[in-house]
Amino acid sequence: MSASSDMGPTGRLKRWMADNDVFVVLILFVAGASVASPTFLTAANLSNLLTQSAMLGLLSVAQFLIIVTAGFDLSVAAVMALSSLVFARLVDVSFVPAAIAAILAGGACGLVNGLVITRGRVQPLIATLAMMGIARGLALSISERSILVNNATLAEIKSLDGFLSVPTVIWFVVVAIAWFWFSRSRQALHLYAIGGNETTARLAGVPVDRLRIGAYTVSGLIAGLTGVVLVIRSNSGVPLGGTGWELYTIAAVVIGGTSIFGGEGKLLHAMAGVLIYQMIANVMNLTGVDPYYQDIVRAAVIILAVGLSILRLRQRHRVRAVIRS
């Protein structure tokens, strides 16, 4: 009787809700936000929310790629800022080469991260923290102030904005490509294996170092692309842009159910975490919460996200212990 009920619509719904709890939370947040602010569900605000989420979402794709391998990339926001300066400096020469140069600059930072971690055997936290300082310093050496961009091609791109802005569309495209890769690629499975147990992955013949270098390089490339998006959105390269966002990306990814210890997580769930995190900020702005209190709330969300990840891990360990007994 219980087996047949599990196969029925109610059982399938319960199973879906258990496997996709972050989407249930997202729906509840939308409902709560619409009550807290009557303007939340307006087309203008929803469009603004998606645009605000785009850069954090792109950086969170990069962070997800690294957290799955049981690492962290604390340099993503600083690399974004550096790439925005590279793009802003070169865009008047030629738009496409400037964008490519900015993205490759990000990729170079990611490649250095990967090499330092794998060849130098430096912990990801330390290596990427050092790169964060280097990238931020390089950005400030290019310009201590924001570089305003007045470019015809950039203006044409911005004119394409509708309900879905250009940054939002770029975010969606990157997520679609990454989701397809994570769903179909053997290398993606190997990344999960590395995060789950690196020693076992090595014994199984997984090219751990090569894949880790590749992951950090791609993370840097995405951060570089986000720098281009920053200029598209703000018409400026910003040396201090995204300060603190490296922590926001970790919080968003972990809110989406990705294990902070690696080896487990789903990209679309992580993107739902981005929307939840950004929605909190959006509602606080709509309701006039003091910016200082907003910082406190963001910090609390980060602590809560890490705590939930630890609780999930302990719960899985208890379940496995019961099964083995």
Protein backbone atom coordinates (compact mmCIF):
# COMPACT_ATOMS: atom_id res chain seq x y z
CA MET A 1 0.00 0.00 0.00
CA SER A 2 2.79 2.41 0.93
CA ALA A 3 4.75 1.50 -2.21
CA SER A 4 1.76 2.24 -4.44
CA SER A 5 1.08 5.51 -2.67
CA ASP A 6 4.72 6.54 -3.19
CA MET A 7 4.20 6.04 -6.93
CA GLY A 8 1.04 8.17 -6.98
CA PRO A 9 0.84 11.91 -7.72
CA THR A 10 1.15 12.83 -4.04
CA GLY A 11 4.19 10.64 -3.57
CA ARG A 12 5.86 12.02 -6.67
CA LEU A 13 5.12 15.58 -5.54
CA LYS A 14 6.65 14.92 -2.11
CA ARG A 15 9.71 13.38 -3.73
CA TRP A 16 10.06 16.35 -6.08
CA MET A 17 9.74 18.80 -3.20
CA ALA A 18 12.36 16.90 -1.21
CA ASP A 19 14.78 16.89 -4.15
CA ASN A 20 14.07 20.50 -5.12
CA ASP A 21 13.48 22.18 -1.79
CA VAL A 22 15.35 25.31 -2.89
CA PHE A 23 12.68 25.99 -5.52
CA VAL A 24 9.98 25.62 -2.87
CA VAL A 25 11.87 28.16 -0.74
CA LEU A 26 12.17 30.45 -3.79
CA ILE A 27 8.39 30.33 -4.35
CA LEU A 28 7.78 31.08 -0.67
CA PHE A 29 10.21 34.01 -0.85
CA VAL A 30 8.37 35.40 -3.88
CA ALA A 31 5.07 35.14 -2.00
CA GLY A 32 6.52 36.79 1.09
CA ALA A 33 8.22 39.54 -0.91
CA SER A 34 5.00 40.38 -2.74
CA VAL A 35 3.29 40.84 0.63
CA ALA A 36 6.17 42.90 2.06
CA SER A 37 6.23 45.25 -0.94
CA PRO A 38 3.36 45.82 -3.39
CA THR A 39 5.87 46.88 -6.07
CA PHE A 40 7.85 43.64 -5.92
CA LEU A 41 5.87 41.83 -8.62
CA THR A 42 5.80 44.75 -11.03
CA ALA A 43 7.45 44.13 -14.39
CA ALA A 44 9.94 46.94 -13.80
CA ASN A 45 11.11 45.54 -10.47
CA LEU A 46 11.30 41.93 -11.69
CA SER A 47 13.36 43.08 -14.67
CA ASN A 48 15.59 45.05 -12.31
CA LEU A 49 15.90 42.04 -9.99
CA LEU A 50 17.08 39.81 -12.85
CA THR A 51 19.55 42.44 -14.02
CA GLN A 52 20.88 42.83 -10.48
CA SER A 53 21.21 39.04 -10.27
CA ALA A 54 23.06 38.69 -13.57
CA MET A 55 26.60 39.52 -12.45
CA LEU A 56 26.27 37.71 -9.13
CA GLY A 57 24.76 34.80 -11.06
CA LEU A 58 27.66 34.66 -13.52
CA LEU A 59 30.22 34.74 -10.72
CA SER A 60 28.22 32.07 -8.90
CA VAL A 61 28.47 29.78 -11.95
CA ALA A 62 32.24 30.16 -11.62
CA GLN A 63 32.10 29.60 -7.86
CA PHE A 64 29.86 26.53 -8.26
CA LEU A 65 32.40 24.99 -10.61
CA ILE A 66 35.08 25.37 -7.94
CA ILE A 67 33.05 24.44 -4.84
CA VAL A 68 32.05 21.16 -6.50
CA THR A 69 35.77 20.26 -6.46
CA ALA A 70 35.96 21.03 -2.71
CA GLY A 71 37.68 24.36 -3.33
CA PHE A 72 36.92 28.07 -3.14
CA ASP A 73 37.69 30.91 -5.51
CA LEU A 74 37.97 34.09 -3.49
CA SER A 75 39.38 35.96 -6.48
CA VAL A 76 36.30 35.95 -8.74
CA ALA A 77 35.08 39.45 -7.84
CA ALA A 78 38.53 41.04 -8.01
CA VAL A 79 39.20 39.37 -11.36
CA MET A 80 35.87 40.74 -12.57
CA ALA A 81 36.97 44.24 -11.56
CA LEU A 82 40.35 43.84 -13.27
CA SER A 83 38.72 42.61 -16.48
CA SER A 84 36.28 45.52 -16.43
CA LEU A 85 39.25 47.92 -16.39
CA VAL A 86 40.97 46.06 -19.23
CA PHE A 87 37.79 46.23 -21.29
CA ALA A 88 37.14 49.88 -20.46
CA ARG A 89 40.69 50.85 -21.46
CA LEU A 90 40.57 49.03 -24.81
CA VAL A 91 36.93 49.27 -25.92
CA ASP A 92 37.39 52.51 -27.87
CA VAL A 93 40.05 50.80 -29.99
CA SER A 94 37.76 47.90 -30.95
CA PHE A 95 34.84 46.37 -29.07
CA VAL A 96 35.28 42.65 -29.80
CA PRO A 97 39.09 42.48 -29.29
CA ALA A 98 38.65 44.46 -26.06
CA ALA A 99 36.06 41.97 -24.81
CA ILE A 100 38.29 39.04 -25.76
CA ALA A 101 41.27 40.64 -24.00
CA ALA A 102 39.21 41.18 -20.84
CA ILE A 103 37.95 37.59 -20.82
CA LEU A 104 41.45 36.22 -21.48
CA ALA A 105 42.82 38.37 -18.65
CA GLY A 106 40.35 36.66 -16.35
CA GLY A 107 41.32 33.27 -17.75
CA ALA A 108 44.99 34.01 -17.11
CA CYS A 109 44.24 34.78 -13.46
CA GLY A 110 42.30 31.53 -13.18
CA LEU A 111 45.11 29.57 -14.84
CA VAL A 112 47.61 30.97 -12.33
CA ASN A 113 45.26 29.96 -9.51
CA GLY A 114 45.05 26.42 -10.86
CA LEU A 115 48.81 26.09 -11.32
CA VAL A 116 49.60 27.44 -7.86
CA ILE A 117 47.09 25.07 -6.28
CA THR A 118 48.11 21.94 -8.20
CA ARG A 119 51.83 22.46 -8.80
CA GLY A 120 52.59 24.46 -5.68
CA ARG A 121 50.23 22.39 -3.48
CA VAL A 122 48.83 25.58 -1.98
CA GLN A 123 45.37 25.42 -0.44
CA PRO A 124 42.70 26.99 -2.72
CA LEU A 125 41.66 29.42 0.01
CA ILE A 126 45.20 30.83 0.28
CA ALA A 127 45.99 30.78 -3.44
CA THR A 128 42.81 32.56 -4.48
CA LEU A 129 43.05 35.01 -1.57
CA ALA A 130 46.49 35.98 -2.88
CA MET A 131 45.09 36.32 -6.42
CA MET A 132 42.30 38.49 -5.06
CA GLY A 133 44.91 40.94 -3.76
CA ILE A 134 46.95 40.78 -6.97
CA ALA A 135 43.94 41.33 -9.25
CA ARG A 136 42.58 44.16 -7.13
CA GLY A 137 46.02 45.78 -7.04
CA LEU A 138 46.41 45.48 -10.82
CA ALA A 139 42.96 47.00 -11.30
CA LEU A 140 43.87 49.97 -9.11
CA SER A 141 47.19 50.36 -10.93
CA ILE A 142 45.27 50.76 -14.19
CA SER A 143 43.00 53.37 -12.62
CA GLU A 144 42.23 54.40 -9.07
CA ARG A 145 38.86 55.68 -10.23
CA SER A 146 36.12 54.29 -12.42
CA ILE A 147 36.77 54.66 -16.15
CA LEU A 148 33.69 56.03 -17.88
CA VAL A 149 32.98 54.50 -21.29
CA ASN A 150 31.19 56.36 -24.07
CA ASN A 151 31.18 53.87 -26.93
CA ALA A 152 28.75 53.62 -29.85
CA THR A 153 28.76 49.81 -29.94
CA LEU A 154 28.13 49.68 -26.20
CA ALA A 155 25.22 52.08 -26.61
CA GLU A 156 23.74 49.90 -29.37
CA ILE A 157 23.99 46.83 -27.13
CA LYS A 158 22.29 48.62 -24.23
CA SER A 159 19.50 49.73 -26.58
CA LEU A 160 18.56 46.05 -26.94
CA ASP A 161 17.41 45.94 -23.30
CA GLY A 162 13.81 44.89 -22.83
CA PHE A 163 12.22 43.08 -19.91
CA LEU A 164 15.29 40.84 -20.12
CA SER A 165 18.34 43.08 -20.19
CA VAL A 166 21.52 42.16 -22.08
CA PRO A 167 23.32 41.17 -18.82
CA THR A 168 20.38 38.90 -17.93
CA VAL A 169 20.44 37.23 -21.36
CA ILE A 170 24.21 36.66 -21.09
CA TRP A 171 23.70 35.10 -17.66
CA PHE A 172 20.97 32.79 -18.95
CA VAL A 173 23.11 31.71 -21.93
CA VAL A 174 26.10 30.91 -19.72
CA VAL A 175 23.88 28.96 -17.30
CA ALA A 176 22.36 26.99 -20.21
CA ILE A 177 25.80 26.08 -21.57
CA ALA A 178 27.12 25.15 -18.13
CA TRP A 179 23.99 23.11 -17.32
CA PHE A 180 24.31 21.18 -20.59
CA TRP A 181 27.99 20.50 -19.87
CA PHE A 182 27.35 19.36 -16.30
CA SER A 183 24.51 17.12 -17.51
CA ARG A 184 26.35 15.44 -20.38
CA SER A 185 30.09 15.62 -19.73
CA ARG A 186 32.26 12.89 -18.24
CA GLN A 187 34.65 15.60 -17.06
CA ALA A 188 31.83 17.05 -14.96
CA LEU A 189 31.37 13.70 -13.24
CA HIS A 190 35.10 13.66 -12.58
CA LEU A 191 34.87 17.09 -10.93
CA TYR A 192 32.22 15.73 -8.56
CA ALA A 193 34.48 12.74 -7.88
CA ILE A 194 37.38 15.04 -7.04
CA GLY A 195 35.22 16.97 -4.60
CA GLY A 196 33.83 13.80 -3.06
CA ASN A 197 37.15 12.09 -2.44
CA GLU A 198 40.28 13.26 -4.24
CA THR A 199 42.36 10.23 -3.23
CA THR A 200 39.77 7.79 -4.56
CA ALA A 201 39.47 9.84 -7.75
CA ARG A 202 43.23 9.65 -8.31
CA LEU A 203 43.23 5.89 -7.74
CA ALA A 204 40.41 5.59 -10.29
CA GLY A 205 42.57 7.28 -12.90
CA VAL A 206 40.90 10.69 -12.86
CA PRO A 207 43.36 13.40 -14.04
CA VAL A 208 42.80 15.45 -10.91
CA ASP A 209 45.40 18.17 -11.43
CA ARG A 210 44.54 18.75 -15.08
CA LEU A 211 40.82 19.02 -14.34
CA ARG A 212 41.41 21.31 -11.38
CA ILE A 213 43.56 23.63 -13.50
CA GLY A 214 40.83 23.61 -16.13
CA ALA A 215 38.15 24.41 -13.55
CA TYR A 216 40.01 27.42 -12.17
CA THR A 217 40.81 28.64 -15.68
CA VAL A 218 37.15 28.47 -16.69
CA SER A 219 36.23 30.21 -13.45
CA GLY A 220 38.59 33.01 -14.41
CA LEU A 221 37.17 33.20 -17.93
CA ILE A 222 33.65 33.55 -16.54
CA ALA A 223 34.86 36.23 -14.12
CA GLY A 224 36.44 38.01 -17.09
CA LEU A 225 33.16 37.84 -19.00
CA THR A 226 31.41 39.26 -15.94
CA GLY A 227 33.82 42.20 -16.07
CA VAL A 228 32.60 42.91 -19.60
CA VAL A 229 29.00 42.64 -18.38
CA LEU A 230 29.82 45.11 -15.59
CA VAL A 231 30.88 47.68 -18.18
CA ILE A 232 27.82 46.96 -20.33
CA ARG A 233 25.58 47.57 -17.34
CA SER A 234 27.29 50.58 -15.76
CA ASN A 235 29.15 52.20 -18.71
CA SER A 236 32.31 52.10 -16.63
CA GLY A 237 35.19 49.93 -15.54
CA VAL A 238 35.23 49.83 -11.75
CA PRO A 239 38.48 48.99 -9.90
CA LEU A 240 36.66 48.34 -6.62
CA GLY A 241 33.65 46.72 -8.27
CA GLY A 242 32.22 43.65 -6.59
CA THR A 243 34.05 44.10 -3.29
CA GLY A 244 32.82 41.33 -0.99
CA TRP A 245 30.98 39.51 -3.77
CA GLU A 246 33.24 36.48 -3.48
CA LEU A 247 31.48 35.73 -0.20
CA TYR A 248 28.06 36.44 -1.69
CA THR A 249 28.71 33.87 -4.43
CA ILE A 250 29.63 31.23 -1.86
CA ALA A 251 26.48 32.02 0.13
CA ALA A 252 24.27 31.87 -2.97
CA VAL A 253 25.72 28.57 -4.16
CA VAL A 254 25.43 26.98 -0.72
CA ILE A 255 21.86 28.30 -0.28
CA GLY A 256 21.14 26.35 -3.46
CA GLY A 257 22.08 23.13 -1.72
CA THR A 258 25.66 22.71 -2.95
CA SER A 259 27.82 21.10 -0.29
CA ILE A 260 30.48 23.50 0.93
CA PHE A 261 32.72 20.44 1.29
CA GLY A 262 32.47 19.55 -2.40
CA GLY A 263 31.26 16.61 -4.44
CA GLU A 264 27.57 17.47 -4.42
CA GLY A 265 25.29 20.11 -5.90
CA LYS A 266 23.18 21.11 -8.88
CA LEU A 267 23.81 24.17 -11.01
CA LEU A 268 20.17 25.23 -11.40
CA HIS A 269 19.68 24.90 -7.65
CA ALA A 270 22.68 27.17 -7.15
CA MET A 271 21.11 29.72 -9.51
CA ALA A 272 17.91 29.55 -7.46
CA GLY A 273 20.13 30.35 -4.49
CA VAL A 274 21.37 33.43 -6.37
CA LEU A 275 17.78 34.61 -6.89
CA ILE A 276 16.92 34.03 -3.23
CA TYR A 277 20.00 35.92 -2.06
CA GLN A 278 19.41 38.81 -4.45
CA MET A 279 15.70 38.86 -3.62
CA ILE A 280 16.55 39.49 0.02
CA ALA A 281 18.58 42.55 -0.99
CA ASN A 282 15.86 43.70 -3.39
CA VAL A 283 13.12 43.53 -0.76
CA MET A 284 15.29 45.34 1.78
CA ASN A 285 15.78 48.16 -0.73
CA LEU A 286 12.07 48.31 -1.56
CA THR A 287 11.11 48.48 2.11
CA GLY A 288 13.75 51.08 2.96
CA VAL A 289 15.95 49.02 5.26
CA ASP A 290 19.03 50.96 6.39
CA PRO A 291 22.13 49.95 4.33
CA TYR A 292 24.06 49.17 7.52
CA TYR A 293 21.39 46.71 8.58
CA GLN A 294 21.45 45.24 5.08
CA ASP A 295 25.12 44.36 5.58
CA ILE A 296 24.22 42.63 8.85
CA VAL A 297 21.47 40.64 7.12
CA ARG A 298 23.85 39.60 4.31
CA ALA A 299 26.41 38.43 6.87
CA ALA A 300 23.72 36.48 8.71
CA VAL A 301 22.65 34.83 5.45
CA ILE A 302 26.25 33.72 4.80
CA ILE A 303 26.50 32.20 8.29
CA LEU A 304 23.11 30.53 7.87
CA ALA A 305 24.07 29.11 4.48
CA VAL A 306 27.28 27.57 5.82
CA GLY A 307 25.44 26.23 8.87
CA LEU A 308 22.79 24.59 6.67
CA SER A 309 25.51 22.98 4.56
CA ILE A 310 27.10 21.49 7.68
CA LEU A 311 23.71 20.24 8.91
CA ARG A 312 23.02 18.60 5.53
CA LEU A 313 26.38 16.82 5.69
CA ARG A 314 25.73 15.55 9.22
CA GLN A 315 22.27 14.36 8.21
CA ARG A 316 23.71 12.40 5.27
CA HIS A 317 26.30 10.82 7.54
CA ARG A 318 23.58 9.74 9.98
CA VAL A 319 21.50 8.24 7.16
CA ARG A 320 24.51 6.33 5.83
CA ALA A 321 25.32 5.07 9.32
CA VAL A 322 21.76 3.78 9.74
CA ILE A 323 21.87 2.06 6.33
CA ARG A 324 25.19 0.37 7.12
CA SER A 325 23.95 -0.82 10.50
